[in-house]
Amino acid sequence: MAETEPSSTPESEPPARWSWGARFWFLVTLLIGPAYVLWMTGVEGKRIWVVVGIILLIALCAGIAHRLMAMTRR
């Protein structure tokens, strides 16, 4: 007998809630990240903004790629 394959459309699950540890580290990142960038600006001068700009550009491209890949799954 041929076995039936599972359906290709996954069932929608409710969104998972963040654990307390995930919330804590998210807040720590939000607080320490900008403080670190400001501190490095004081140490390095305006050169740090070039690095921050490159990081933001990479993040933007990754976000666009993520959305485009998600569109192909629908």
Protein backbone atom coordinates (compact mmCIF):
# COMPACT_ATOMS: atom_id res chain seq x y z
CA MET A 1 0.00 0.00 0.00
CA ALA A 2 1.14 3.51 -0.71
CA GLU A 3 1.55 5.75 2.29
CA THR A 4 -0.07 9.13 2.18
CA GLU A 5 2.19 12.15 2.49
CA PRO A 6 1.39 14.89 4.98
CA SER A 7 -0.31 17.95 3.56
CA SER A 8 2.00 20.68 2.29
CA THR A 9 0.18 23.46 4.14
CA PRO A 10 1.21 23.57 7.81
CA GLU A 11 -1.42 24.31 10.40
CA SER A 12 -1.20 27.79 11.87
CA GLU A 13 0.04 27.83 15.44
CA PRO A 14 -0.52 30.63 17.94
CA PRO A 15 2.48 32.96 18.28
CA ALA A 16 4.92 31.85 20.94
CA ARG A 17 5.42 34.18 23.91
CA TRP A 18 8.89 35.29 24.88
CA SER A 19 10.39 33.77 28.00
CA TRP A 20 11.60 36.03 30.80
CA GLY A 21 15.20 35.36 29.82
CA ALA A 22 14.54 36.41 26.23
CA ARG A 23 12.81 39.58 27.42
CA PHE A 24 15.70 40.37 29.77
CA TRP A 25 18.40 39.99 27.11
CA PHE A 26 16.33 41.97 24.61
CA LEU A 27 16.13 44.87 27.07
CA VAL A 28 19.83 44.57 27.92
CA THR A 29 20.66 44.73 24.22
CA LEU A 30 18.44 47.77 23.74
CA LEU A 31 20.15 49.56 26.62
CA ILE A 32 23.78 48.51 26.12
CA GLY A 33 23.88 48.64 22.30
CA PRO A 34 23.33 52.39 21.89
CA ALA A 35 25.52 53.14 24.93
CA TYR A 36 28.36 51.13 23.36
CA VAL A 37 27.98 52.93 20.03
CA LEU A 38 28.10 56.32 21.77
CA TRP A 39 31.14 55.29 23.78
CA MET A 40 32.94 54.05 20.66
CA THR A 41 32.07 57.32 18.92
CA GLY A 42 33.83 59.18 21.72
CA VAL A 43 36.88 56.92 21.40
CA GLU A 44 37.11 56.51 17.64
CA GLY A 45 35.49 59.70 16.43
CA LYS A 46 33.36 59.79 13.30
CA ARG A 47 34.87 56.61 11.84
CA ILE A 48 32.55 54.46 13.96
CA TRP A 49 29.54 55.79 12.04
CA VAL A 50 30.95 54.23 8.88
CA VAL A 51 30.94 50.85 10.63
CA VAL A 52 27.44 51.42 12.02
CA GLY A 53 26.24 52.40 8.54
CA ILE A 54 27.68 49.23 7.01
CA ILE A 55 26.04 47.10 9.71
CA LEU A 56 22.69 48.81 9.12
CA LEU A 57 23.04 48.33 5.37
CA ILE A 58 23.70 44.61 5.85
CA ALA A 59 20.72 44.34 8.23
CA LEU A 60 18.49 46.15 5.72
CA CYS A 61 19.51 43.80 2.90
CA ALA A 62 18.95 40.77 5.14
CA GLY A 63 15.50 42.06 6.09
CA ILE A 64 14.55 42.57 2.45
CA ALA A 65 15.83 39.10 1.54
CA HIS A 66 13.87 37.60 4.45
CA ARG A 67 10.64 39.23 3.27
CA LEU A 68 11.21 38.16 -0.32
CA MET A 69 11.85 34.55 0.73
CA ALA A 70 8.68 34.63 2.87
CA MET A 71 6.69 35.82 -0.17
CA THR A 72 7.82 32.79 -2.17
CA ARG A 73 6.46 30.38 0.48
CA ARG A 74 2.89 31.59 0.08
